[in-house]
Amino acid sequence: MIRALTEIYIIWYREILRFWHNKLRIISSLAMPFFWLVMFGSGMRGAFQLFGAQGSFDFIYFLFPGVVGMTVLTTSVFSSISVVRDREFGLFKEILAAPVSRASITLGKILGGATTTVLQGCLMLILAPLVGIRLEVGMVLALVPTIFLVAFTLASMGMAIASRLRSTEGFQMVMSFFMMPMFFLSGALFPLTNVPRWMEVLSKINPASYGVDLIRQVVFRFLSLPPLVLDSFRLTLFGVRIGVVEDLVIVSAFATLFVLLGVWSFSRAEQ
């Protein structure tokens, strides 16, 4: 047990060092969220006035947790590119030849990707005051484990896919194919209500939908919004609006599934 934890820690620490030494990646990770929040959000908040029982609802309140979810989605999934790069530069064979279990390698890389995603997500929170979102200590403390769980789930999905790919070009092509539909069907930019049936079905099988909804519900709990507004933006499953507990269960189920798939896929990957 101790040996397995040590192996996971070493792989995790390697991913953290790789992230920390890439300062350009840290800075550039704020560019797209800044665009969505400050430019798109602030510019469109007047055109997207949503009304609840107690007055108007500011669109930026809806967009902010969605952009956080978008950042978590892109960062966690693309963190698995390290597997492809290790294969391209020949490090993959050395890692597999080491007396380390495939499960430890997989979990170490997933945890590394989830940790770097949390760091980038926390950095993104500094943009909140620029768009009128008042941060509270309780909100930040609640968001950190929430972001980690969602990031862990999506990083596991990325690992399951990346372990079967052999080039960074192929990885970027495949991930782009998955990422855009996942992003637009997650409810990050617009509510998933009154949408076409086919879009509703796809959004329900999209793990990012529940991750974004979980982050949004956590943020909404600290914004003192009318209950009717809060309920109107919650996801529905089989005709029933789901809450934080249901989102946690669903996201955890996806995490378990993707970890098992990731370990299986990584174990079968050719050297």
Protein backbone atom coordinates (compact mmCIF):
# COMPACT_ATOMS: atom_id res chain seq x y z
CA MET A 1 0.00 0.00 0.00
CA ILE A 2 2.77 2.42 1.00
CA ARG A 3 4.72 1.53 -2.13
CA ALA A 4 1.69 2.19 -4.35
CA LEU A 5 1.11 5.58 -2.69
CA THR A 6 4.79 6.44 -3.17
CA GLU A 7 4.59 5.53 -6.86
CA ILE A 8 1.47 7.65 -7.31
CA TYR A 9 3.13 10.55 -5.50
CA ILE A 10 6.23 10.45 -7.71
CA ILE A 11 4.17 10.47 -10.92
CA TRP A 12 1.94 13.22 -9.48
CA TYR A 13 4.98 15.31 -8.46
CA ARG A 14 6.46 14.98 -11.95
CA GLU A 15 3.25 16.39 -13.46
CA ILE A 16 3.24 19.28 -10.98
CA LEU A 17 6.87 20.15 -11.80
CA ARG A 18 6.11 20.06 -15.51
CA PHE A 19 3.21 22.45 -14.97
CA TRP A 20 5.14 24.78 -12.66
CA HIS A 21 8.06 25.19 -15.06
CA ASN A 22 5.74 26.14 -17.91
CA LYS A 23 4.98 29.73 -16.89
CA LEU A 24 3.57 30.57 -20.32
CA ARG A 25 0.95 27.88 -19.91
CA ILE A 26 -0.09 29.31 -16.54
CA ILE A 27 -0.45 32.84 -17.89
CA SER A 28 -2.12 31.86 -21.17
CA SER A 29 -4.68 29.76 -19.32
CA LEU A 30 -6.33 32.99 -18.15
CA ALA A 31 -6.70 34.43 -21.66
CA MET A 32 -9.80 32.53 -22.80
CA PRO A 33 -11.68 32.84 -19.48
CA PHE A 34 -10.89 36.58 -19.52
CA PHE A 35 -12.37 36.81 -23.02
CA TRP A 36 -15.59 35.01 -22.08
CA LEU A 37 -16.10 36.84 -18.80
CA VAL A 38 -14.93 40.38 -19.39
CA MET A 39 -15.65 40.78 -23.11
CA PHE A 40 -18.48 38.38 -23.91
CA GLY A 41 -20.13 38.36 -20.48
CA SER A 42 -19.97 42.06 -19.81
CA GLY A 43 -20.92 42.94 -23.36
CA MET A 44 -23.93 40.62 -23.51
CA ARG A 45 -25.25 40.98 -19.97
CA GLY A 46 -27.66 43.68 -21.10
CA ALA A 47 -29.03 41.57 -23.94
CA PHE A 48 -29.54 38.44 -21.86
CA GLN A 49 -31.69 39.65 -19.02
CA LEU A 50 -33.34 36.63 -17.46
CA PHE A 51 -36.25 37.34 -15.16
CA GLY A 52 -37.19 35.54 -11.99
CA ALA A 53 -39.91 36.12 -9.46
CA GLN A 54 -37.95 38.79 -7.64
CA GLY A 55 -36.59 40.85 -10.47
CA SER A 56 -33.95 40.65 -13.13
CA PHE A 57 -31.16 38.10 -13.10
CA ASP A 58 -27.73 39.27 -14.19
CA PHE A 59 -26.39 37.09 -17.01
CA ILE A 60 -22.87 37.30 -15.59
CA TYR A 61 -24.00 35.29 -12.55
CA PHE A 62 -24.93 32.48 -14.89
CA LEU A 63 -21.83 32.78 -17.08
CA PHE A 64 -19.19 32.94 -14.34
CA PRO A 65 -19.57 29.36 -13.02
CA GLY A 66 -19.96 28.21 -16.62
CA VAL A 67 -16.59 29.73 -17.53
CA VAL A 68 -15.06 28.09 -14.45
CA GLY A 69 -16.47 24.79 -15.68
CA MET A 70 -15.13 25.48 -19.18
CA THR A 71 -11.66 26.09 -17.74
CA VAL A 72 -11.84 22.87 -15.74
CA LEU A 73 -12.97 20.94 -18.82
CA THR A 74 -10.25 22.15 -21.18
CA THR A 75 -7.40 22.09 -18.66
CA SER A 76 -8.12 18.67 -17.18
CA VAL A 77 -8.74 16.91 -20.49
CA PHE A 78 -5.70 18.42 -22.22
CA SER A 79 -3.47 17.62 -19.23
CA SER A 80 -3.42 14.03 -20.49
CA ILE A 81 -1.36 15.15 -23.47
CA SER A 82 1.69 14.40 -21.30
CA VAL A 83 1.08 10.69 -21.97
CA VAL A 84 1.29 11.25 -25.71
CA ARG A 85 4.40 13.42 -25.41
CA ASP A 86 6.11 10.80 -23.24
CA ARG A 87 5.39 8.24 -25.94
CA GLU A 88 6.73 10.49 -28.70
CA PHE A 89 9.98 11.27 -26.86
CA GLY A 90 10.58 7.69 -25.80
CA LEU A 91 9.93 8.24 -22.10
CA PHE A 92 6.84 6.09 -22.23
CA LYS A 93 8.87 2.89 -22.60
CA GLU A 94 11.10 3.86 -19.68
CA ILE A 95 8.08 4.54 -17.47
CA LEU A 96 6.48 1.23 -18.38
CA ALA A 97 9.81 -0.60 -17.87
CA ALA A 98 10.12 0.78 -14.33
CA PRO A 99 8.89 -1.43 -11.44
CA VAL A 100 5.74 0.64 -11.15
CA SER A 101 2.23 -0.67 -11.61
CA ARG A 102 0.17 0.64 -14.51
CA ALA A 103 -2.59 1.61 -12.06
CA SER A 104 -0.16 3.80 -10.09
CA ILE A 105 1.03 5.51 -13.26
CA THR A 106 -2.52 6.14 -14.38
CA LEU A 107 -3.71 7.48 -11.02
CA GLY A 108 -0.57 9.60 -10.61
CA LYS A 109 -1.10 11.29 -13.97
CA ILE A 110 -4.83 11.76 -13.35
CA LEU A 111 -4.19 13.30 -9.94
CA GLY A 112 -1.48 15.50 -11.44
CA GLY A 113 -3.87 16.75 -14.11
CA ALA A 114 -6.62 17.35 -11.54
CA THR A 115 -4.24 19.26 -9.24
CA THR A 116 -2.97 21.55 -11.98
CA THR A 117 -6.56 22.17 -13.02
CA VAL A 118 -7.45 23.23 -9.48
CA LEU A 119 -4.48 25.62 -9.46
CA GLN A 120 -5.57 27.17 -12.75
CA GLY A 121 -9.19 27.28 -11.60
CA CYS A 122 -8.18 29.15 -8.44
CA LEU A 123 -6.14 31.59 -10.53
CA MET A 124 -9.23 32.18 -12.66
CA LEU A 125 -11.21 33.22 -9.59
CA ILE A 126 -9.22 36.46 -9.49
CA LEU A 127 -11.25 37.54 -12.52
CA ALA A 128 -14.50 37.39 -10.55
CA PRO A 129 -14.31 40.90 -9.02
CA LEU A 130 -13.70 42.35 -12.50
CA VAL A 131 -17.22 41.32 -13.54
CA GLY A 132 -18.99 42.11 -10.29
CA ILE A 133 -18.84 38.71 -8.60
CA ARG A 134 -18.04 39.11 -4.92
CA LEU A 135 -15.90 36.25 -3.70
CA GLU A 136 -16.41 34.86 -0.23
CA VAL A 137 -14.13 32.62 1.76
CA GLY A 138 -16.87 30.03 1.99
CA MET A 139 -17.38 30.07 -1.77
CA VAL A 140 -13.69 29.52 -2.47
CA LEU A 141 -13.43 26.74 0.13
CA ALA A 142 -16.46 25.01 -1.39
CA LEU A 143 -15.25 25.46 -4.97
CA VAL A 144 -11.79 23.93 -4.46
CA PRO A 145 -12.96 20.35 -3.70
CA THR A 146 -15.78 20.73 -6.24
CA ILE A 147 -13.36 21.72 -8.99
CA PHE A 148 -11.01 18.90 -7.98
CA LEU A 149 -13.76 16.27 -8.27
CA VAL A 150 -14.88 17.53 -11.68
CA ALA A 151 -11.26 17.84 -12.87
CA PHE A 152 -10.45 14.33 -11.64
CA THR A 153 -13.40 12.95 -13.60
CA LEU A 154 -12.54 14.72 -16.84
CA ALA A 155 -8.81 14.05 -16.50
CA SER A 156 -9.66 10.35 -16.16
CA MET A 157 -11.64 10.54 -19.39
CA GLY A 158 -8.72 12.26 -21.11
CA MET A 159 -6.34 9.60 -19.84
CA ALA A 160 -8.50 6.79 -21.19
CA ILE A 161 -8.38 8.39 -24.64
CA ALA A 162 -4.77 9.62 -24.62
CA SER A 163 -3.32 6.25 -23.65
CA ARG A 164 -4.38 4.88 -27.04
CA LEU A 165 -2.98 7.74 -29.14
CA ARG A 166 0.55 8.03 -30.53
CA SER A 167 1.03 11.64 -31.62
CA THR A 168 0.24 15.08 -30.26
CA GLU A 169 -1.38 15.99 -33.58
CA GLY A 170 -3.72 13.02 -33.31
CA PHE A 171 -4.43 13.87 -29.68
CA GLN A 172 -5.35 17.46 -30.47
CA MET A 173 -7.58 16.39 -33.35
CA VAL A 174 -9.42 13.75 -31.31
CA MET A 175 -9.79 15.97 -28.26
CA SER A 176 -11.04 18.90 -30.31
CA PHE A 177 -13.66 16.58 -31.79
CA PHE A 178 -14.86 15.71 -28.28
CA MET A 179 -14.27 19.05 -26.55
CA MET A 180 -16.43 21.39 -28.61
CA PRO A 181 -19.63 19.31 -28.35
CA MET A 182 -18.97 18.66 -24.64
CA PHE A 183 -18.46 22.37 -24.03
CA PHE A 184 -21.52 23.62 -25.88
CA LEU A 185 -23.73 20.82 -24.51
CA SER A 186 -22.62 21.39 -20.91
CA GLY A 187 -24.80 24.42 -20.24
CA ALA A 188 -21.78 26.63 -19.65
CA LEU A 189 -23.00 29.42 -21.97
CA PHE A 190 -26.75 28.95 -22.06
CA PRO A 191 -29.38 27.12 -19.98
CA LEU A 192 -30.23 23.61 -21.10
CA THR A 193 -33.96 24.36 -21.06
CA ASN A 194 -36.35 24.37 -24.01
CA VAL A 195 -33.67 22.89 -26.26
CA PRO A 196 -34.31 20.37 -29.06
CA ARG A 197 -34.86 16.81 -27.93
CA TRP A 198 -31.65 15.53 -29.51
CA MET A 199 -29.64 18.21 -27.74
CA GLU A 200 -31.29 17.40 -24.42
CA VAL A 201 -30.42 13.71 -24.78
CA LEU A 202 -26.78 14.47 -25.63
CA SER A 203 -26.48 16.88 -22.72
CA LYS A 204 -27.73 14.20 -20.32
CA ILE A 205 -24.96 11.77 -21.31
CA ASN A 206 -22.33 14.50 -21.22
CA PRO A 207 -20.30 14.29 -17.98
CA ALA A 208 -19.35 17.96 -18.30
CA SER A 209 -23.03 18.92 -17.95
CA TYR A 210 -23.16 17.60 -14.39
CA GLY A 211 -19.77 19.09 -13.58
CA VAL A 212 -20.81 22.55 -14.75
CA ASP A 213 -24.16 22.23 -12.97
CA LEU A 214 -22.40 21.22 -9.76
CA ILE A 215 -20.03 24.20 -9.92
CA ARG A 216 -22.91 26.54 -10.77
CA GLN A 217 -25.07 25.35 -7.88
CA VAL A 218 -22.18 25.78 -5.45
CA VAL A 219 -21.58 29.34 -6.67
CA PHE A 220 -25.30 30.20 -6.66
CA ARG A 221 -25.60 29.21 -2.99
CA PHE A 222 -23.33 32.13 -2.08
CA LEU A 223 -24.93 34.77 -4.33
CA SER A 224 -28.22 35.20 -2.41
CA LEU A 225 -30.35 34.60 -5.48
CA PRO A 226 -34.14 34.05 -5.38
CA PRO A 227 -35.08 30.36 -4.95
CA LEU A 228 -37.14 30.44 -8.16
CA VAL A 229 -34.08 31.59 -10.11
CA LEU A 230 -31.94 28.88 -8.54
CA ASP A 231 -34.42 26.15 -9.44
CA SER A 232 -34.88 27.39 -13.00
CA PHE A 233 -31.23 26.71 -13.89
CA ARG A 234 -30.89 23.27 -12.30
CA LEU A 235 -30.51 20.27 -14.60
CA THR A 236 -33.39 17.86 -14.93
CA LEU A 237 -33.00 14.09 -15.14
CA PHE A 238 -36.02 11.97 -16.00
CA GLY A 239 -38.19 15.03 -15.45
CA VAL A 240 -36.84 15.73 -11.95
CA ARG A 241 -34.62 18.69 -11.07
CA ILE A 242 -31.39 17.47 -9.50
CA GLY A 243 -29.48 19.13 -6.71
CA VAL A 244 -25.92 19.20 -5.41
CA VAL A 245 -26.11 15.72 -3.89
CA GLU A 246 -27.36 14.17 -7.13
CA ASP A 247 -24.66 15.99 -9.11
CA LEU A 248 -22.02 14.69 -6.70
CA VAL A 249 -23.25 11.12 -7.08
CA ILE A 250 -23.37 11.31 -10.88
CA VAL A 251 -19.96 12.98 -11.24
CA SER A 252 -18.45 10.45 -8.82
CA ALA A 253 -19.97 7.61 -10.86
CA PHE A 254 -18.44 9.03 -14.04
CA ALA A 255 -15.10 9.36 -12.21
CA THR A 256 -15.15 5.71 -11.16
CA LEU A 257 -16.05 4.59 -14.68
CA PHE A 258 -13.36 6.69 -16.36
CA VAL A 259 -10.66 5.65 -13.88
CA LEU A 260 -11.41 1.99 -14.54
CA LEU A 261 -11.39 2.63 -18.28
CA GLY A 262 -8.17 4.63 -17.96
CA VAL A 263 -6.37 1.90 -16.01
CA TRP A 264 -7.61 -0.76 -18.45
CA SER A 265 -6.67 1.30 -21.51
CA PHE A 266 -3.26 2.22 -20.11
CA SER A 267 -2.54 -1.40 -19.20
CA ARG A 268 -3.27 -2.48 -22.74
CA ALA A 269 -1.27 0.32 -24.35
CA GLU A 270 1.61 -0.94 -26.45
CA GLN A 271 5.08 0.09 -25.53
